[in-house]
Amino acid sequence: MFREFKRPDFALLERGPLAGYCSYLSYDALIELAEESKLEYMNTAVVDEFAEDAED
């Protein structure tokens, strides 16, 4: 996945290289998020807390 973010095809995007602003959810983070007891009451902004930057 990280190699794909850094491909030359994605380096010339209008917003800049994809790896500079792309994030992802790891399987561990996804499992942790799914186990949240109040998940049904959370909005999509909670995903930002579990997301990791592609450049890391």
PDB file of N, CA and C in Angstrom:
ATOM      1  N   MET A   1       0.818  -1.172   0.000  1.00  0.00           N
ATOM      2  CA  MET A   1       0.000   0.000   0.000  1.00  0.00           C
ATOM      3  C   MET A   1       0.874   1.252   0.000  1.00  0.00           C
ATOM      4  N   PHE A   2       1.896   1.286   0.836  1.00  0.00           N
ATOM      5  CA  PHE A   2       2.737   2.474   0.911  1.00  0.00           C
ATOM      6  C   PHE A   2       3.487   2.711  -0.395  1.00  0.00           C
ATOM      7  N   ARG A   3       3.906   1.633  -1.048  1.00  0.00           N
ATOM      8  CA  ARG A   3       4.558   1.771  -2.361  1.00  0.00           C
ATOM      9  C   ARG A   3       3.606   2.412  -3.361  1.00  0.00           C
ATOM     10  N   GLU A   4       2.352   2.014  -3.317  1.00  0.00           N
ATOM     11  CA  GLU A   4       1.358   2.563  -4.243  1.00  0.00           C
ATOM     12  C   GLU A   4       1.165   4.064  -4.014  1.00  0.00           C
ATOM     13  N   PHE A   5       1.129   4.486  -2.757  1.00  0.00           N
ATOM     14  CA  PHE A   5       0.977   5.910  -2.458  1.00  0.00           C
ATOM     15  C   PHE A   5       2.117   6.735  -3.047  1.00  0.00           C
ATOM     16  N   LYS A   6       3.291   6.130  -3.144  1.00  0.00           N
ATOM     17  CA  LYS A   6       4.484   6.856  -3.592  1.00  0.00           C
ATOM     18  C   LYS A   6       4.772   6.704  -5.082  1.00  0.00           C
ATOM     19  N   ARG A   7       3.899   6.040  -5.817  1.00  0.00           N
ATOM     20  CA  ARG A   7       4.100   5.872  -7.260  1.00  0.00           C
ATOM     21  C   ARG A   7       4.139   7.231  -7.951  1.00  0.00           C
ATOM     22  N   PRO A   8       4.934   7.339  -9.017  1.00  0.00           N
ATOM     23  CA  PRO A   8       4.999   8.603  -9.758  1.00  0.00           C
ATOM     24  C   PRO A   8       3.632   9.084 -10.254  1.00  0.00           C
ATOM     25  N   ASP A   9       2.738   8.152 -10.569  1.00  0.00           N
ATOM     26  CA  ASP A   9       1.391   8.534 -11.026  1.00  0.00           C
ATOM     27  C   ASP A   9       0.684   9.416 -10.004  1.00  0.00           C
ATOM     28  N   PHE A  10       0.958   9.183  -8.743  1.00  0.00           N
ATOM     29  CA  PHE A  10       0.287   9.902  -7.673  1.00  0.00           C
ATOM     30  C   PHE A  10       1.097  11.084  -7.147  1.00  0.00           C
ATOM     31  N   ALA A  11       2.261  11.319  -7.710  1.00  0.00           N
ATOM     32  CA  ALA A  11       3.125  12.407  -7.248  1.00  0.00           C
ATOM     33  C   ALA A  11       2.743  13.751  -7.867  1.00  0.00           C
ATOM     34  N   LEU A  12       2.028  13.727  -8.965  1.00  0.00           N
ATOM     35  CA  LEU A  12       1.727  14.960  -9.692  1.00  0.00           C
ATOM     36  C   LEU A  12       0.277  15.403  -9.557  1.00  0.00           C
ATOM     37  N   LEU A  13      -0.373  14.976  -8.521  1.00  0.00           N
ATOM     38  CA  LEU A  13      -1.763  15.361  -8.302  1.00  0.00           C
ATOM     39  C   LEU A  13      -1.857  16.849  -7.955  1.00  0.00           C
ATOM     40  N   GLU A  14      -3.000  17.434  -8.233  1.00  0.00           N
ATOM     41  CA  GLU A  14      -3.195  18.862  -7.996  1.00  0.00           C
ATOM     42  C   GLU A  14      -2.934  19.245  -6.539  1.00  0.00           C
ATOM     43  N   ARG A  15      -3.343  18.412  -5.607  1.00  0.00           N
ATOM     44  CA  ARG A  15      -3.146  18.696  -4.172  1.00  0.00           C
ATOM     45  C   ARG A  15      -1.746  18.344  -3.691  1.00  0.00           C
ATOM     46  N   GLY A  16      -0.925  17.794  -4.562  1.00  0.00           N
ATOM     47  CA  GLY A  16       0.411  17.359  -4.192  1.00  0.00           C
ATOM     48  C   GLY A  16       0.467  15.842  -4.129  1.00  0.00           C
ATOM     49  N   PRO A  17       1.618  15.299  -3.766  1.00  0.00           N
ATOM     50  CA  PRO A  17       1.757  13.840  -3.706  1.00  0.00           C
ATOM     51  C   PRO A  17       0.726  13.187  -2.775  1.00  0.00           C
ATOM     52  N   LEU A  18       0.149  12.106  -3.224  1.00  0.00           N
ATOM     53  CA  LEU A  18      -0.894  11.409  -2.476  1.00  0.00           C
ATOM     54  C   LEU A  18      -0.425  11.020  -1.076  1.00  0.00           C
ATOM     55  N   ALA A  19       0.808  10.588  -0.956  1.00  0.00           N
ATOM     56  CA  ALA A  19       1.323  10.157   0.349  1.00  0.00           C
ATOM     57  C   ALA A  19       1.349  11.293   1.361  1.00  0.00           C
ATOM     58  N   GLY A  20       1.309  12.532   0.906  1.00  0.00           N
ATOM     59  CA  GLY A  20       1.354  13.681   1.803  1.00  0.00           C
ATOM     60  C   GLY A  20       0.041  13.964   2.510  1.00  0.00           C
ATOM     61  N   TYR A  21      -1.075  13.456   1.993  1.00  0.00           N
ATOM     62  CA  TYR A  21      -2.348  13.758   2.632  1.00  0.00           C
ATOM     63  C   TYR A  21      -3.276  12.558   2.761  1.00  0.00           C
ATOM     64  N   CYS A  22      -2.765  11.403   2.477  1.00  0.00           N
ATOM     65  CA  CYS A  22      -3.576  10.191   2.546  1.00  0.00           C
ATOM     66  C   CYS A  22      -3.384   9.523   3.914  1.00  0.00           C
ATOM     67  N   SER A  23      -4.445   8.944   4.429  1.00  0.00           N
ATOM     68  CA  SER A  23      -4.354   8.193   5.677  1.00  0.00           C
ATOM     69  C   SER A  23      -5.075   6.861   5.499  1.00  0.00           C
ATOM     70  N   TYR A  24      -4.912   5.987   6.461  1.00  0.00           N
ATOM     71  CA  TYR A  24      -5.513   4.659   6.380  1.00  0.00           C
ATOM     72  C   TYR A  24      -5.849   4.159   7.773  1.00  0.00           C
ATOM     73  N   LEU A  25      -6.665   3.135   7.823  1.00  0.00           N
ATOM     74  CA  LEU A  25      -6.968   2.453   9.076  1.00  0.00           C
ATOM     75  C   LEU A  25      -6.297   1.085   9.047  1.00  0.00           C
ATOM     76  N   SER A  26      -5.440   0.835  10.005  1.00  0.00           N
ATOM     77  CA  SER A  26      -4.821  -0.481  10.098  1.00  0.00           C
ATOM     78  C   SER A  26      -5.865  -1.476  10.600  1.00  0.00           C
ATOM     79  N   TYR A  27      -5.598  -2.751  10.414  1.00  0.00           N
ATOM     80  CA  TYR A  27      -6.541  -3.762  10.915  1.00  0.00           C
ATOM     81  C   TYR A  27      -6.681  -3.670  12.427  1.00  0.00           C
ATOM     82  N   ASP A  28      -5.575  -3.419  13.123  1.00  0.00           N
ATOM     83  CA  ASP A  28      -5.634  -3.298  14.584  1.00  0.00           C
ATOM     84  C   ASP A  28      -6.516  -2.118  15.005  1.00  0.00           C
ATOM     85  N   ALA A  29      -6.363  -0.976  14.310  1.00  0.00           N
ATOM     86  CA  ALA A  29      -7.177   0.196  14.626  1.00  0.00           C
ATOM     87  C   ALA A  29      -8.646  -0.068  14.311  1.00  0.00           C
ATOM     88  N   LEU A  30      -8.901  -0.765  13.230  1.00  0.00           N
ATOM     89  CA  LEU A  30     -10.271  -1.081  12.850  1.00  0.00           C
ATOM     90  C   LEU A  30     -10.938  -1.986  13.881  1.00  0.00           C
ATOM     91  N   ILE A  31     -10.204  -2.969  14.375  1.00  0.00           N
ATOM     92  CA  ILE A  31     -10.730  -3.859  15.419  1.00  0.00           C
ATOM     93  C   ILE A  31     -10.995  -3.067  16.693  1.00  0.00           C
ATOM     94  N   GLU A  32     -10.050  -2.199  17.063  1.00  0.00           N
ATOM     95  CA  GLU A  32     -10.223  -1.377  18.261  1.00  0.00           C
ATOM     96  C   GLU A  32     -11.455  -0.473  18.124  1.00  0.00           C
ATOM     97  N   LEU A  33     -11.625   0.123  16.960  1.00  0.00           N
ATOM     98  CA  LEU A  33     -12.783   0.979  16.715  1.00  0.00           C
ATOM     99  C   LEU A  33     -14.085   0.179  16.784  1.00  0.00           C
ATOM    100  N   ALA A  34     -14.093  -1.009  16.232  1.00  0.00           N
ATOM    101  CA  ALA A  34     -15.293  -1.853  16.236  1.00  0.00           C
ATOM    102  C   ALA A  34     -15.686  -2.277  17.647  1.00  0.00           C
ATOM    103  N   GLU A  35     -14.717  -2.317  18.565  1.00  0.00           N
ATOM    104  CA  GLU A  35     -14.994  -2.728  19.937  1.00  0.00           C
ATOM    105  C   GLU A  35     -15.460  -1.580  20.831  1.00  0.00           C
ATOM    106  N   GLU A  36     -15.514  -0.369  20.289  1.00  0.00           N
ATOM    107  CA  GLU A  36     -15.980   0.781  21.067  1.00  0.00           C
ATOM    108  C   GLU A  36     -17.431   0.555  21.491  1.00  0.00           C
ATOM    109  N   SER A  37     -17.706   0.699  22.758  1.00  0.00           N
ATOM    110  CA  SER A  37     -19.059   0.420  23.262  1.00  0.00           C
ATOM    111  C   SER A  37     -20.088   1.450  22.794  1.00  0.00           C
ATOM    112  N   LYS A  38     -19.672   2.641  22.497  1.00  0.00           N
ATOM    113  CA  LYS A  38     -20.590   3.704  22.072  1.00  0.00           C
ATOM    114  C   LYS A  38     -20.473   3.980  20.565  1.00  0.00           C
ATOM    115  N   LEU A  39     -19.978   3.037  19.802  1.00  0.00           N
ATOM    116  CA  LEU A  39     -19.736   3.236  18.372  1.00  0.00           C
ATOM    117  C   LEU A  39     -20.972   3.717  17.633  1.00  0.00           C
ATOM    118  N   GLU A  40     -22.123   3.206  17.983  1.00  0.00           N
ATOM    119  CA  GLU A  40     -23.348   3.594  17.274  1.00  0.00           C
ATOM    120  C   GLU A  40     -23.701   5.061  17.479  1.00  0.00           C
ATOM    121  N   TYR A  41     -23.157   5.704  18.497  1.00  0.00           N
ATOM    122  CA  TYR A  41     -23.450   7.104  18.765  1.00  0.00           C
ATOM    123  C   TYR A  41     -22.375   8.048  18.242  1.00  0.00           C
ATOM    124  N   MET A  42     -21.301   7.496  17.698  1.00  0.00           N
ATOM    125  CA  MET A  42     -20.188   8.315  17.211  1.00  0.00           C
ATOM    126  C   MET A  42     -20.429   8.725  15.763  1.00  0.00           C
ATOM    127  N   ASN A  43     -19.860   9.874  15.393  1.00  0.00           N
ATOM    128  CA  ASN A  43     -19.942  10.283  13.995  1.00  0.00           C
ATOM    129  C   ASN A  43     -18.652   9.896  13.275  1.00  0.00           C
ATOM    130  N   THR A  44     -18.578  10.189  12.015  1.00  0.00           N
ATOM    131  CA  THR A  44     -17.429   9.756  11.217  1.00  0.00           C
ATOM    132  C   THR A  44     -16.125  10.455  11.604  1.00  0.00           C
ATOM    133  N   ALA A  45     -16.195  11.539  12.351  1.00  0.00           N
ATOM    134  CA  ALA A  45     -14.980  12.240  12.772  1.00  0.00           C
ATOM    135  C   ALA A  45     -14.113  11.374  13.687  1.00  0.00           C
ATOM    136  N   VAL A  46     -14.694  10.389  14.343  1.00  0.00           N
ATOM    137  CA  VAL A  46     -13.918   9.514  15.229  1.00  0.00           C
ATOM    138  C   VAL A  46     -12.873   8.714  14.443  1.00  0.00           C
ATOM    139  N   VAL A  47     -13.122   8.490  13.173  1.00  0.00           N
ATOM    140  CA  VAL A  47     -12.174   7.742  12.335  1.00  0.00           C
ATOM    141  C   VAL A  47     -10.828   8.454  12.294  1.00  0.00           C
ATOM    142  N   ASP A  48     -10.824   9.792  12.310  1.00  0.00           N
ATOM    143  CA  ASP A  48      -9.568  10.548  12.289  1.00  0.00           C
ATOM    144  C   ASP A  48      -8.667  10.208  13.475  1.00  0.00           C
ATOM    145  N   GLU A  49      -9.266   9.862  14.606  1.00  0.00           N
ATOM    146  CA  GLU A  49      -8.477   9.506  15.782  1.00  0.00           C
ATOM    147  C   GLU A  49      -7.777   8.162  15.620  1.00  0.00           C
ATOM    148  N   PHE A  50      -8.332   7.294  14.783  1.00  0.00           N
ATOM    149  CA  PHE A  50      -7.768   5.962  14.579  1.00  0.00           C
ATOM    150  C   PHE A  50      -6.923   5.868  13.317  1.00  0.00           C
ATOM    151  N   ALA A  51      -7.032   6.849  12.437  1.00  0.00           N
ATOM    152  CA  ALA A  51      -6.306   6.834  11.161  1.00  0.00           C
ATOM    153  C   ALA A  51      -4.820   7.102  11.383  1.00  0.00           C
ATOM    154  N   GLU A  52      -4.021   6.557  10.507  1.00  0.00           N
ATOM    155  CA  GLU A  52      -2.581   6.769  10.520  1.00  0.00           C
ATOM    156  C   GLU A  52      -2.176   7.399   9.191  1.00  0.00           C
ATOM    157  N   ASP A  53      -1.198   8.304   9.236  1.00  0.00           N
ATOM    158  CA  ASP A  53      -0.732   8.944   8.016  1.00  0.00           C
ATOM    159  C   ASP A  53       0.039   7.957   7.150  1.00  0.00           C
ATOM    160  N   ALA A  54      -0.105   8.100   5.868  1.00  0.00           N
ATOM    161  CA  ALA A  54       0.563   7.205   4.924  1.00  0.00           C
ATOM    162  C   ALA A  54       2.077   7.419   4.932  1.00  0.00           C
ATOM    163  N   GLU A  55       2.549   8.592   5.282  1.00  0.00           N
ATOM    164  CA  GLU A  55       3.979   8.873   5.258  1.00  0.00           C
ATOM    165  C   GLU A  55       4.731   8.277   6.427  1.00  0.00           C
ATOM    166  N   ASP A  56       4.039   7.855   7.474  1.00  0.00           N
ATOM    167  CA  ASP A  56       4.720   7.315   8.670  1.00  0.00           C
ATOM    168  C   ASP A  56       5.419   6.024   8.402  1.00  0.00           C
TER     169      ASP A  56
END
